[in-house]
Amino acid sequence: MILRLLLVAAAVAGLAGCSFQNRDEREADRFTQAVIDNDLKPVENDIAKGISLTRVKVAEWSDQLGAQGKLLSVKETTIRCNPGWHCFDVKFQKHDYVERMRFDDSHKVVDWQFHMVEK
């Protein structure tokens, strides 16, 4: 019985660890990882209808972000973020980036931009 309670407690603690990201951070994290993997299939239902992303463009983004090492964190920020956008501080092993996303009324991605932070 005690072992079962410990396992349940460990599972709850593990799930709580995943809840530190808000909805938009999770979406940005998923989108960024999909770009790194050069495969938007995992997020294709999260992209608004009519938004065209070419395989060439995604491959270019994948090359740039993939060269930054492991994706460490995605954290939403309001600093220097224009109204209507969601901005994120994105940390990789090698460099930090800023990402910006816009969503439609159905919370589908309509625009995504990123750039390396100059130090």
PDB file of N, CA and C in Angstrom:
ATOM      1  N   MET A   1       0.823  -1.194   0.000  1.00  0.00           N
ATOM      2  CA  MET A   1       0.000   0.000   0.000  1.00  0.00           C
ATOM      3  C   MET A   1       0.868   1.261   0.000  1.00  0.00           C
ATOM      4  N   ILE A   2       1.905   1.254   0.832  1.00  0.00           N
ATOM      5  CA  ILE A   2       2.806   2.409   0.897  1.00  0.00           C
ATOM      6  C   ILE A   2       3.534   2.583  -0.429  1.00  0.00           C
ATOM      7  N   LEU A   3       3.942   1.470  -1.023  1.00  0.00           N
ATOM      8  CA  LEU A   3       4.629   1.540  -2.317  1.00  0.00           C
ATOM      9  C   LEU A   3       3.705   2.156  -3.373  1.00  0.00           C
ATOM     10  N   ARG A   4       2.433   1.763  -3.367  1.00  0.00           N
ATOM     11  CA  ARG A   4       1.473   2.307  -4.321  1.00  0.00           C
ATOM     12  C   ARG A   4       1.314   3.809  -4.121  1.00  0.00           C
ATOM     13  N   LEU A   5       1.229   4.266  -2.885  1.00  0.00           N
ATOM     14  CA  LEU A   5       1.107   5.699  -2.599  1.00  0.00           C
ATOM     15  C   LEU A   5       2.341   6.459  -3.062  1.00  0.00           C
ATOM     16  N   LEU A   6       3.510   5.860  -2.853  1.00  0.00           N
ATOM     17  CA  LEU A   6       4.746   6.509  -3.310  1.00  0.00           C
ATOM     18  C   LEU A   6       4.777   6.620  -4.829  1.00  0.00           C
ATOM     19  N   LEU A   7       4.321   5.574  -5.514  1.00  0.00           N
ATOM     20  CA  LEU A   7       4.284   5.617  -6.979  1.00  0.00           C
ATOM     21  C   LEU A   7       3.309   6.674  -7.470  1.00  0.00           C
ATOM     22  N   VAL A   8       2.146   6.766  -6.842  1.00  0.00           N
ATOM     23  CA  VAL A   8       1.161   7.786  -7.213  1.00  0.00           C
ATOM     24  C   VAL A   8       1.726   9.177  -6.955  1.00  0.00           C
ATOM     25  N   ALA A   9       2.371   9.361  -5.816  1.00  0.00           N
ATOM     26  CA  ALA A   9       2.961  10.661  -5.489  1.00  0.00           C
ATOM     27  C   ALA A   9       4.044  11.033  -6.498  1.00  0.00           C
ATOM     28  N   ALA A  10       4.854  10.064  -6.890  1.00  0.00           N
ATOM     29  CA  ALA A  10       5.909  10.326  -7.876  1.00  0.00           C
ATOM     30  C   ALA A  10       5.302  10.695  -9.229  1.00  0.00           C
ATOM     31  N   ALA A  11       4.226  10.000  -9.618  1.00  0.00           N
ATOM     32  CA  ALA A  11       3.568  10.306 -10.893  1.00  0.00           C
ATOM     33  C   ALA A  11       2.970  11.710 -10.876  1.00  0.00           C
ATOM     34  N   VAL A  12       2.330  12.077  -9.780  1.00  0.00           N
ATOM     35  CA  VAL A  12       1.745  13.418  -9.661  1.00  0.00           C
ATOM     36  C   VAL A  12       2.840  14.474  -9.713  1.00  0.00           C
ATOM     37  N   ALA A  13       3.944  14.222  -9.022  1.00  0.00           N
ATOM     38  CA  ALA A  13       5.064  15.171  -9.042  1.00  0.00           C
ATOM     39  C   ALA A  13       5.625  15.307 -10.454  1.00  0.00           C
ATOM     40  N   GLY A  14       5.710  14.201 -11.175  1.00  0.00           N
ATOM     41  CA  GLY A  14       6.204  14.250 -12.549  1.00  0.00           C
ATOM     42  C   GLY A  14       5.295  15.049 -13.452  1.00  0.00           C
ATOM     43  N   LEU A  15       3.989  14.852 -13.306  1.00  0.00           N
ATOM     44  CA  LEU A  15       3.038  15.618 -14.112  1.00  0.00           C
ATOM     45  C   LEU A  15       3.061  17.088 -13.742  1.00  0.00           C
ATOM     46  N   ALA A  16       3.237  17.381 -12.476  1.00  0.00           N
ATOM     47  CA  ALA A  16       3.305  18.782 -12.044  1.00  0.00           C
ATOM     48  C   ALA A  16       4.514  19.458 -12.666  1.00  0.00           C
ATOM     49  N   GLY A  17       5.589  18.723 -12.865  1.00  0.00           N
ATOM     50  CA  GLY A  17       6.777  19.288 -13.492  1.00  0.00           C
ATOM     51  C   GLY A  17       6.512  19.753 -14.905  1.00  0.00           C
ATOM     52  N   CYS A  18       5.569  19.115 -15.589  1.00  0.00           N
ATOM     53  CA  CYS A  18       5.217  19.489 -16.953  1.00  0.00           C
ATOM     54  C   CYS A  18       4.306  20.707 -16.990  1.00  0.00           C
ATOM     55  N   SER A  19       3.717  21.063 -15.874  1.00  0.00           N
ATOM     56  CA  SER A  19       2.716  22.118 -15.880  1.00  0.00           C
ATOM     57  C   SER A  19       3.302  23.510 -15.684  1.00  0.00           C
ATOM     58  N   PHE A  20       4.609  23.634 -15.666  1.00  0.00           N
ATOM     59  CA  PHE A  20       5.213  24.941 -15.472  1.00  0.00           C
ATOM     60  C   PHE A  20       5.092  25.819 -16.705  1.00  0.00           C
ATOM     61  N   GLN A  21       4.812  25.236 -17.862  1.00  0.00           N
ATOM     62  CA  GLN A  21       4.625  26.014 -19.072  1.00  0.00           C
ATOM     63  C   GLN A  21       3.143  26.321 -19.254  1.00  0.00           C
ATOM     64  N   ASN A  22       2.853  27.559 -19.653  1.00  0.00           N
ATOM     65  CA  ASN A  22       1.463  27.889 -19.969  1.00  0.00           C
ATOM     66  C   ASN A  22       1.129  27.364 -21.373  1.00  0.00           C
ATOM     67  N   ARG A  23      -0.112  27.514 -21.767  1.00  0.00           N
ATOM     68  CA  ARG A  23      -0.590  26.984 -23.054  1.00  0.00           C
ATOM     69  C   ARG A  23       0.233  27.507 -24.224  1.00  0.00           C
ATOM     70  N   ASP A  24       0.522  28.795 -24.214  1.00  0.00           N
ATOM     71  CA  ASP A  24       1.265  29.388 -25.324  1.00  0.00           C
ATOM     72  C   ASP A  24       2.721  28.926 -25.331  1.00  0.00           C
ATOM     73  N   GLU A  25       3.303  28.759 -24.152  1.00  0.00           N
ATOM     74  CA  GLU A  25       4.671  28.245 -24.077  1.00  0.00           C
ATOM     75  C   GLU A  25       4.746  26.816 -24.606  1.00  0.00           C
ATOM     76  N   ARG A  26       3.761  26.017 -24.258  1.00  0.00           N
ATOM     77  CA  ARG A  26       3.734  24.634 -24.762  1.00  0.00           C
ATOM     78  C   ARG A  26       3.613  24.624 -26.281  1.00  0.00           C
ATOM     79  N   GLU A  27       2.767  25.513 -26.818  1.00  0.00           N
ATOM     80  CA  GLU A  27       2.611  25.587 -28.274  1.00  0.00           C
ATOM     81  C   GLU A  27       3.914  26.034 -28.934  1.00  0.00           C
ATOM     82  N   ALA A  28       4.548  27.059 -28.387  1.00  0.00           N
ATOM     83  CA  ALA A  28       5.824  27.538 -28.947  1.00  0.00           C
ATOM     84  C   ALA A  28       6.895  26.455 -28.852  1.00  0.00           C
ATOM     85  N   ASP A  29       6.923  25.739 -27.752  1.00  0.00           N
ATOM     86  CA  ASP A  29       7.884  24.653 -27.566  1.00  0.00           C
ATOM     87  C   ASP A  29       7.658  23.560 -28.614  1.00  0.00           C
ATOM     88  N   ARG A  30       6.399  23.154 -28.796  1.00  0.00           N
ATOM     89  CA  ARG A  30       6.064  22.113 -29.777  1.00  0.00           C
ATOM     90  C   ARG A  30       6.415  22.572 -31.195  1.00  0.00           C
ATOM     91  N   PHE A  31       6.090  23.824 -31.506  1.00  0.00           N
ATOM     92  CA  PHE A  31       6.349  24.354 -32.841  1.00  0.00           C
ATOM     93  C   PHE A  31       7.853  24.427 -33.098  1.00  0.00           C
ATOM     94  N   THR A  32       8.595  24.920 -32.122  1.00  0.00           N
ATOM     95  CA  THR A  32      10.050  25.022 -32.260  1.00  0.00           C
ATOM     96  C   THR A  32      10.667  23.648 -32.457  1.00  0.00           C
ATOM     97  N   GLN A  33      10.236  22.676 -31.663  1.00  0.00           N
ATOM     98  CA  GLN A  33      10.785  21.323 -31.790  1.00  0.00           C
ATOM     99  C   GLN A  33      10.449  20.720 -33.142  1.00  0.00           C
ATOM    100  N   ALA A  34       9.250  20.980 -33.627  1.00  0.00           N
ATOM    101  CA  ALA A  34       8.868  20.476 -34.946  1.00  0.00           C
ATOM    102  C   ALA A  34       9.758  21.084 -36.041  1.00  0.00           C
ATOM    103  N   VAL A  35      10.054  22.371 -35.922  1.00  0.00           N
ATOM    104  CA  VAL A  35      10.939  23.021 -36.896  1.00  0.00           C
ATOM    105  C   VAL A  35      12.342  22.425 -36.799  1.00  0.00           C
ATOM    106  N   ILE A  36      12.852  22.269 -35.585  1.00  0.00           N
ATOM    107  CA  ILE A  36      14.184  21.667 -35.412  1.00  0.00           C
ATOM    108  C   ILE A  36      14.229  20.296 -36.083  1.00  0.00           C
ATOM    109  N   ASP A  37      13.161  19.522 -35.908  1.00  0.00           N
ATOM    110  CA  ASP A  37      13.090  18.172 -36.482  1.00  0.00           C
ATOM    111  C   ASP A  37      12.804  18.196 -37.978  1.00  0.00           C
ATOM    112  N   ASN A  38      12.577  19.400 -38.546  1.00  0.00           N
ATOM    113  CA  ASN A  38      12.259  19.564 -39.966  1.00  0.00           C
ATOM    114  C   ASN A  38      11.025  18.747 -40.350  1.00  0.00           C
ATOM    115  N   ASP A  39      10.042  18.745 -39.456  1.00  0.00           N
ATOM    116  CA  ASP A  39       8.821  17.966 -39.669  1.00  0.00           C
ATOM    117  C   ASP A  39       7.663  18.652 -38.950  1.00  0.00           C
ATOM    118  N   LEU A  40       6.829  19.358 -39.700  1.00  0.00           N
ATOM    119  CA  LEU A  40       5.708  20.070 -39.102  1.00  0.00           C
ATOM    120  C   LEU A  40       4.472  19.194 -38.900  1.00  0.00           C
ATOM    121  N   LYS A  41       4.553  17.912 -39.242  1.00  0.00           N
ATOM    122  CA  LYS A  41       3.399  17.019 -39.055  1.00  0.00           C
ATOM    123  C   LYS A  41       2.843  17.076 -37.636  1.00  0.00           C
ATOM    124  N   PRO A  42       3.676  17.061 -36.580  1.00  0.00           N
ATOM    125  CA  PRO A  42       3.119  17.075 -35.220  1.00  0.00           C
ATOM    126  C   PRO A  42       2.319  18.337 -34.886  1.00  0.00           C
ATOM    127  N   VAL A  43       2.537  19.423 -35.626  1.00  0.00           N
ATOM    128  CA  VAL A  43       1.838  20.682 -35.333  1.00  0.00           C
ATOM    129  C   VAL A  43       0.971  21.168 -36.492  1.00  0.00           C
ATOM    130  N   GLU A  44       0.796  20.348 -37.521  1.00  0.00           N
ATOM    131  CA  GLU A  44       0.061  20.809 -38.701  1.00  0.00           C
ATOM    132  C   GLU A  44      -1.374  21.217 -38.371  1.00  0.00           C
ATOM    133  N   ASN A  45      -1.998  20.599 -37.376  1.00  0.00           N
ATOM    134  CA  ASN A  45      -3.354  20.978 -36.991  1.00  0.00           C
ATOM    135  C   ASN A  45      -3.382  22.237 -36.135  1.00  0.00           C
ATOM    136  N   ASP A  46      -2.204  22.718 -35.732  1.00  0.00           N
ATOM    137  CA  ASP A  46      -2.101  23.940 -34.937  1.00  0.00           C
ATOM    138  C   ASP A  46      -1.835  25.162 -35.807  1.00  0.00           C
ATOM    139  N   ILE A  47      -1.699  24.960 -37.099  1.00  0.00           N
ATOM    140  CA  ILE A  47      -1.419  26.050 -38.035  1.00  0.00           C
ATOM    141  C   ILE A  47      -2.722  26.433 -38.729  1.00  0.00           C
ATOM    142  N   ALA A  48      -3.018  27.722 -38.770  1.00  0.00           N
ATOM    143  CA  ALA A  48      -4.264  28.213 -39.374  1.00  0.00           C
ATOM    144  C   ALA A  48      -4.348  27.835 -40.845  1.00  0.00           C
ATOM    145  N   LYS A  49      -5.557  27.606 -41.309  1.00  0.00           N
ATOM    146  CA  LYS A  49      -5.804  27.309 -42.721  1.00  0.00           C
ATOM    147  C   LYS A  49      -5.327  28.493 -43.562  1.00  0.00           C
ATOM    148  N   GLY A  50      -4.745  28.185 -44.695  1.00  0.00           N
ATOM    149  CA  GLY A  50      -4.295  29.226 -45.606  1.00  0.00           C
ATOM    150  C   GLY A  50      -2.872  29.691 -45.372  1.00  0.00           C
ATOM    151  N   ILE A  51      -2.257  29.258 -44.268  1.00  0.00           N
ATOM    152  CA  ILE A  51      -0.865  29.620 -44.003  1.00  0.00           C
ATOM    153  C   ILE A  51       0.018  28.632 -44.755  1.00  0.00           C
ATOM    154  N   SER A  52       0.874  29.143 -45.605  1.00  0.00           N
ATOM    155  CA  SER A  52       1.727  28.295 -46.430  1.00  0.00           C
ATOM    156  C   SER A  52       3.171  28.369 -45.944  1.00  0.00           C
ATOM    157  N   LEU A  53       3.676  27.232 -45.536  1.00  0.00           N
ATOM    158  CA  LEU A  53       5.082  27.131 -45.150  1.00  0.00           C
ATOM    159  C   LEU A  53       5.740  26.121 -46.084  1.00  0.00           C
ATOM    160  N   THR A  54       6.687  26.575 -46.873  1.00  0.00           N
ATOM    161  CA  THR A  54       7.335  25.677 -47.824  1.00  0.00           C
ATOM    162  C   THR A  54       8.322  24.768 -47.107  1.00  0.00           C
ATOM    163  N   ARG A  55       8.550  23.600 -47.685  1.00  0.00           N
ATOM    164  CA  ARG A  55       9.541  22.671 -47.120  1.00  0.00           C
ATOM    165  C   ARG A  55      10.929  23.289 -47.114  1.00  0.00           C
ATOM    166  N   VAL A  56      11.214  24.102 -48.113  1.00  0.00           N
ATOM    167  CA  VAL A  56      12.524  24.762 -48.184  1.00  0.00           C
ATOM    168  C   VAL A  56      12.700  25.721 -47.006  1.00  0.00           C
ATOM    169  N   LYS A  57      11.673  26.521 -46.711  1.00  0.00           N
ATOM    170  CA  LYS A  57      11.738  27.480 -45.612  1.00  0.00           C
ATOM    171  C   LYS A  57      11.897  26.745 -44.281  1.00  0.00           C
ATOM    172  N   VAL A  58      11.110  25.688 -44.077  1.00  0.00           N
ATOM    173  CA  VAL A  58      11.198  24.921 -42.832  1.00  0.00           C
ATOM    174  C   VAL A  58      12.582  24.273 -42.706  1.00  0.00           C
ATOM    175  N   ALA A  59      13.125  23.785 -43.813  1.00  0.00           N
ATOM    176  CA  ALA A  59      14.463  23.185 -43.792  1.00  0.00           C
ATOM    177  C   ALA A  59      15.526  24.223 -43.427  1.00  0.00           C
ATOM    178  N   GLU A  60      15.393  25.447 -43.957  1.00  0.00           N
ATOM    179  CA  GLU A  60      16.339  26.524 -43.601  1.00  0.00           C
ATOM    180  C   GLU A  60      16.259  26.828 -42.108  1.00  0.00           C
ATOM    181  N   TRP A  61      15.023  26.952 -41.592  1.00  0.00           N
ATOM    182  CA  TRP A  61      14.846  27.204 -40.155  1.00  0.00           C
ATOM    183  C   TRP A  61      15.422  26.052 -39.338  1.00  0.00           C
ATOM    184  N   SER A  62      15.179  24.833 -39.793  1.00  0.00           N
ATOM    185  CA  SER A  62      15.665  23.645 -39.094  1.00  0.00           C
ATOM    186  C   SER A  62      17.194  23.642 -39.017  1.00  0.00           C
ATOM    187  N   ASP A  63      17.833  23.984 -40.125  1.00  0.00           N
ATOM    188  CA  ASP A  63      19.301  24.048 -40.133  1.00  0.00           C
ATOM    189  C   ASP A  63      19.806  25.072 -39.122  1.00  0.00           C
ATOM    190  N   GLN A  64      19.184  26.249 -39.096  1.00  0.00           N
ATOM    191  CA  GLN A  64      19.640  27.301 -38.183  1.00  0.00           C
ATOM    192  C   GLN A  64      19.420  26.901 -36.723  1.00  0.00           C
ATOM    193  N   LEU A  65      18.209  26.467 -36.389  1.00  0.00           N
ATOM    194  CA  LEU A  65      17.923  26.141 -34.990  1.00  0.00           C
ATOM    195  C   LEU A  65      18.593  24.840 -34.558  1.00  0.00           C
ATOM    196  N   GLY A  66      18.669  23.884 -35.460  1.00  0.00           N
ATOM    197  CA  GLY A  66      19.321  22.620 -35.131  1.00  0.00           C
ATOM    198  C   GLY A  66      20.789  22.791 -34.798  1.00  0.00           C
ATOM    199  N   ALA A  67      21.421  23.805 -35.379  1.00  0.00           N
ATOM    200  CA  ALA A  67      22.840  24.072 -35.121  1.00  0.00           C
ATOM    201  C   ALA A  67      23.076  24.687 -33.740  1.00  0.00           C
ATOM    202  N   GLN A  68      22.008  25.031 -33.035  1.00  0.00           N
ATOM    203  CA  GLN A  68      22.155  25.698 -31.734  1.00  0.00           C
ATOM    204  C   GLN A  68      22.262  24.720 -30.565  1.00  0.00           C
ATOM    205  N   GLY A  69      22.263  23.437 -30.857  1.00  0.00           N
ATOM    206  CA  GLY A  69      22.335  22.442 -29.792  1.00  0.00           C
ATOM    207  C   GLY A  69      20.960  22.162 -29.232  1.00  0.00           C
ATOM    208  N   LYS A  70      20.928  21.534 -28.086  1.00  0.00           N
ATOM    209  CA  LYS A  70      19.675  21.108 -27.467  1.00  0.00           C
ATOM    210  C   LYS A  70      18.799  22.306 -27.091  1.00  0.00           C
ATOM    211  N   LEU A  71      17.495  22.170 -27.344  1.00  0.00           N
ATOM    212  CA  LEU A  71      16.524  23.155 -26.904  1.00  0.00           C
ATOM    213  C   LEU A  71      16.350  22.988 -25.401  1.00  0.00           C
ATOM    214  N   LEU A  72      16.671  24.037 -24.635  1.00  0.00           N
ATOM    215  CA  LEU A  72      16.652  23.945 -23.177  1.00  0.00           C
ATOM    216  C   LEU A  72      15.368  24.459 -22.548  1.00  0.00           C
ATOM    217  N   SER A  73      14.846  25.585 -23.052  1.00  0.00           N
ATOM    218  CA  SER A  73      13.630  26.137 -22.443  1.00  0.00           C
ATOM    219  C   SER A  73      12.956  27.136 -23.369  1.00  0.00           C
ATOM    220  N   VAL A  74      11.643  27.275 -23.148  1.00  0.00           N
ATOM    221  CA  VAL A  74      10.822  28.261 -23.846  1.00  0.00           C
ATOM    222  C   VAL A  74       9.986  28.947 -22.775  1.00  0.00           C
ATOM    223  N   LYS A  75      10.190  30.250 -22.601  1.00  0.00           N
ATOM    224  CA  LYS A  75       9.503  30.994 -21.547  1.00  0.00           C
ATOM    225  C   LYS A  75       8.886  32.244 -22.140  1.00  0.00           C
ATOM    226  N   GLU A  76       7.584  32.427 -21.917  1.00  0.00           N
ATOM    227  CA  GLU A  76       6.898  33.611 -22.445  1.00  0.00           C
ATOM    228  C   GLU A  76       7.363  34.864 -21.719  1.00  0.00           C
ATOM    229  N   THR A  77       7.452  35.959 -22.472  1.00  0.00           N
ATOM    230  CA  THR A  77       7.867  37.238 -21.926  1.00  0.00           C
ATOM    231  C   THR A  77       7.004  38.344 -22.529  1.00  0.00           C
ATOM    232  N   THR A  78       6.855  39.422 -21.800  1.00  0.00           N
ATOM    233  CA  THR A  78       6.121  40.576 -22.330  1.00  0.00           C
ATOM    234  C   THR A  78       7.073  41.711 -22.695  1.00  0.00           C
ATOM    235  N   ILE A  79       8.345  41.539 -22.412  1.00  0.00           N
ATOM    236  CA  ILE A  79       9.343  42.567 -22.686  1.00  0.00           C
ATOM    237  C   ILE A  79       9.494  42.743 -24.206  1.00  0.00           C
ATOM    238  N   ARG A  80       9.343  43.986 -24.663  1.00  0.00           N
ATOM    239  CA  ARG A  80       9.465  44.324 -26.086  1.00  0.00           C
ATOM    240  C   ARG A  80       8.555  43.463 -26.962  1.00  0.00           C
ATOM    241  N   CYS A  81       7.364  43.164 -26.477  1.00  0.00           N
ATOM    242  CA  CYS A  81       6.418  42.342 -27.229  1.00  0.00           C
ATOM    243  C   CYS A  81       5.238  43.209 -27.652  1.00  0.00           C
ATOM    244  N   ASN A  82       5.051  43.343 -28.946  1.00  0.00           N
ATOM    245  CA  ASN A  82       3.977  44.175 -29.484  1.00  0.00           C
ATOM    246  C   ASN A  82       2.605  43.570 -29.206  1.00  0.00           C
ATOM    247  N   PRO A  83       1.589  44.405 -29.076  1.00  0.00           N
ATOM    248  CA  PRO A  83       0.233  43.900 -28.870  1.00  0.00           C
ATOM    249  C   PRO A  83      -0.179  42.930 -29.985  1.00  0.00           C
ATOM    250  N   GLY A  84      -0.855  41.860 -29.607  1.00  0.00           N
ATOM    251  CA  GLY A  84      -1.299  40.862 -30.578  1.00  0.00           C
ATOM    252  C   GLY A  84      -0.310  39.732 -30.788  1.00  0.00           C
ATOM    253  N   TRP A  85       0.864  39.882 -30.258  1.00  0.00           N
ATOM    254  CA  TRP A  85       1.909  38.860 -30.384  1.00  0.00           C
ATOM    255  C   TRP A  85       2.136  38.183 -29.040  1.00  0.00           C
ATOM    256  N   HIS A  86       2.644  36.969 -29.095  1.00  0.00           N
ATOM    257  CA  HIS A  86       3.146  36.264 -27.912  1.00  0.00           C
ATOM    258  C   HIS A  86       4.637  36.093 -28.143  1.00  0.00           C
ATOM    259  N   CYS A  87       5.435  36.540 -27.183  1.00  0.00           N
ATOM    260  CA  CYS A  87       6.882  36.516 -27.327  1.00  0.00           C
ATOM    261  C   CYS A  87       7.489  35.541 -26.318  1.00  0.00           C
ATOM    262  N   PHE A  88       8.590  34.928 -26.712  1.00  0.00           N
ATOM    263  CA  PHE A  88       9.203  33.887 -25.904  1.00  0.00           C
ATOM    264  C   PHE A  88      10.720  34.028 -25.905  1.00  0.00           C
ATOM    265  N   ASP A  89      11.304  33.862 -24.730  1.00  0.00           N
ATOM    266  CA  ASP A  89      12.752  33.718 -24.616  1.00  0.00           C
ATOM    267  C   ASP A  89      13.037  32.233 -24.771  1.00  0.00           C
ATOM    268  N   VAL A  90      13.845  31.895 -25.775  1.00  0.00           N
ATOM    269  CA  VAL A  90      14.131  30.496 -26.086  1.00  0.00           C
ATOM    270  C   VAL A  90      15.620  30.264 -25.883  1.00  0.00           C
ATOM    271  N   LYS A  91      15.933  29.294 -25.044  1.00  0.00           N
ATOM    272  CA  LYS A  91      17.326  29.004 -24.727  1.00  0.00           C
ATOM    273  C   LYS A  91      17.739  27.679 -25.349  1.00  0.00           C
ATOM    274  N   PHE A  92      18.850  27.741 -26.064  1.00  0.00           N
ATOM    275  CA  PHE A  92      19.505  26.562 -26.623  1.00  0.00           C
ATOM    276  C   PHE A  92      20.861  26.424 -25.939  1.00  0.00           C
ATOM    277  N   GLN A  93      21.532  25.319 -26.168  1.00  0.00           N
ATOM    278  CA  GLN A  93      22.862  25.126 -25.585  1.00  0.00           C
ATOM    279  C   GLN A  93      23.839  26.211 -26.030  1.00  0.00           C
ATOM    280  N   LYS A  94      23.766  26.609 -27.279  1.00  0.00           N
ATOM    281  CA  LYS A  94      24.766  27.535 -27.817  1.00  0.00           C
ATOM    282  C   LYS A  94      24.356  28.999 -27.781  1.00  0.00           C
ATOM    283  N   HIS A  95      23.096  29.304 -28.061  1.00  0.00           N
ATOM    284  CA  HIS A  95      22.651  30.695 -28.136  1.00  0.00           C
ATOM    285  C   HIS A  95      21.228  30.826 -27.625  1.00  0.00           C
ATOM    286  N   ASP A  96      20.873  32.046 -27.284  1.00  0.00           N
ATOM    287  CA  ASP A  96      19.499  32.362 -26.909  1.00  0.00           C
ATOM    288  C   ASP A  96      18.802  33.008 -28.106  1.00  0.00           C
ATOM    289  N   TYR A  97      17.504  32.776 -28.187  1.00  0.00           N
ATOM    290  CA  TYR A  97      16.680  33.324 -29.262  1.00  0.00           C
ATOM    291  C   TYR A  97      15.464  34.011 -28.671  1.00  0.00           C
ATOM    292  N   VAL A  98      14.845  34.865 -29.471  1.00  0.00           N
ATOM    293  CA  VAL A  98      13.535  35.413 -29.178  1.00  0.00           C
ATOM    294  C   VAL A  98      12.621  34.907 -30.275  1.00  0.00           C
ATOM    295  N   GLU A  99      11.475  34.377 -29.875  1.00  0.00           N
ATOM    296  CA  GLU A  99      10.459  33.948 -30.827  1.00  0.00           C
ATOM    297  C   GLU A  99       9.216  34.790 -30.617  1.00  0.00           C
ATOM    298  N   ARG A 100       8.498  34.989 -31.715  1.00  0.00           N
ATOM    299  CA  ARG A 100       7.221  35.709 -31.669  1.00  0.00           C
ATOM    300  C   ARG A 100       6.195  34.872 -32.421  1.00  0.00           C
ATOM    301  N   MET A 101       5.003  34.755 -31.829  1.00  0.00           N
ATOM    302  CA  MET A 101       3.907  34.013 -32.456  1.00  0.00           C
ATOM    303  C   MET A 101       2.638  34.843 -32.397  1.00  0.00           C
ATOM    304  N   ARG A 102       1.833  34.686 -33.432  1.00  0.00           N
ATOM    305  CA  ARG A 102       0.483  35.249 -33.418  1.00  0.00           C
ATOM    306  C   ARG A 102      -0.491  34.104 -33.641  1.00  0.00           C
ATOM    307  N   PHE A 103      -1.628  34.190 -32.953  1.00  0.00           N
ATOM    308  CA  PHE A 103      -2.665  33.178 -33.055  1.00  0.00           C
ATOM    309  C   PHE A 103      -3.948  33.814 -33.574  1.00  0.00           C
ATOM    310  N   ASP A 104      -4.767  33.010 -34.249  1.00  0.00           N
ATOM    311  CA  ASP A 104      -6.094  33.485 -34.631  1.00  0.00           C
ATOM    312  C   ASP A 104      -7.069  33.240 -33.477  1.00  0.00           C
ATOM    313  N   ASP A 105      -8.340  33.493 -33.704  1.00  0.00           N
ATOM    314  CA  ASP A 105      -9.345  33.345 -32.650  1.00  0.00           C
ATOM    315  C   ASP A 105      -9.514  31.902 -32.184  1.00  0.00           C
ATOM    316  N   SER A 106      -9.093  30.950 -33.010  1.00  0.00           N
ATOM    317  CA  SER A 106      -9.182  29.533 -32.653  1.00  0.00           C
ATOM    318  C   SER A 106      -7.879  29.008 -32.060  1.00  0.00           C
ATOM    319  N   HIS A 107      -6.971  29.928 -31.748  1.00  0.00           N
ATOM    320  CA  HIS A 107      -5.647  29.610 -31.205  1.00  0.00           C
ATOM    321  C   HIS A 107      -4.801  28.791 -32.182  1.00  0.00           C
ATOM    322  N   LYS A 108      -4.968  29.071 -33.476  1.00  0.00           N
ATOM    323  CA  LYS A 108      -4.136  28.477 -34.523  1.00  0.00           C
ATOM    324  C   LYS A 108      -3.032  29.472 -34.873  1.00  0.00           C
ATOM    325  N   VAL A 109      -1.845  28.973 -35.147  1.00  0.00           N
ATOM    326  CA  VAL A 109      -0.691  29.815 -35.467  1.00  0.00           C
ATOM    327  C   VAL A 109      -0.897  30.463 -36.832  1.00  0.00           C
ATOM    328  N   VAL A 110      -0.788  31.789 -36.870  1.00  0.00           N
ATOM    329  CA  VAL A 110      -0.883  32.513 -38.146  1.00  0.00           C
ATOM    330  C   VAL A 110       0.450  33.162 -38.526  1.00  0.00           C
ATOM    331  N   ASP A 111       1.361  33.278 -37.572  1.00  0.00           N
ATOM    332  CA  ASP A 111       2.674  33.855 -37.867  1.00  0.00           C
ATOM    333  C   ASP A 111       3.663  33.397 -36.802  1.00  0.00           C
ATOM    334  N   TRP A 112       4.898  33.148 -37.218  1.00  0.00           N
ATOM    335  CA  TRP A 112       5.958  32.718 -36.307  1.00  0.00           C
ATOM    336  C   TRP A 112       7.270  33.301 -36.813  1.00  0.00           C
ATOM    337  N   GLN A 113       7.976  33.975 -35.926  1.00  0.00           N
ATOM    338  CA  GLN A 113       9.256  34.588 -36.270  1.00  0.00           C
ATOM    339  C   GLN A 113      10.253  34.306 -35.163  1.00  0.00           C
ATOM    340  N   PHE A 114      11.525  34.317 -35.493  1.00  0.00           N
ATOM    341  CA  PHE A 114      12.551  34.133 -34.475  1.00  0.00           C
ATOM    342  C   PHE A 114      13.831  34.839 -34.895  1.00  0.00           C
ATOM    343  N   HIS A 115      14.624  35.186 -33.901  1.00  0.00           N
ATOM    344  CA  HIS A 115      15.967  35.709 -34.189  1.00  0.00           C
ATOM    345  C   HIS A 115      16.878  35.463 -32.981  1.00  0.00           C
ATOM    346  N   MET A 116      18.159  35.345 -33.288  1.00  0.00           N
ATOM    347  CA  MET A 116      19.151  35.126 -32.255  1.00  0.00           C
ATOM    348  C   MET A 116      19.342  36.395 -31.442  1.00  0.00           C
ATOM    349  N   VAL A 117      19.506  36.243 -30.155  1.00  0.00           N
ATOM    350  CA  VAL A 117      19.763  37.373 -29.277  1.00  0.00           C
ATOM    351  C   VAL A 117      21.254  37.689 -29.351  1.00  0.00           C
ATOM    352  N   GLU A 118      21.558  38.945 -29.649  1.00  0.00           N
ATOM    353  CA  GLU A 118      22.956  39.385 -29.690  1.00  0.00           C
ATOM    354  C   GLU A 118      23.439  39.637 -28.271  1.00  0.00           C
ATOM    355  N   LYS A 119      24.598  39.152 -27.954  1.00  0.00           N
ATOM    356  CA  LYS A 119      25.145  39.367 -26.594  1.00  0.00           C
ATOM    357  C   LYS A 119      26.234  40.384 -26.615  1.00  0.00           C
TER     358      LYS A 119
END
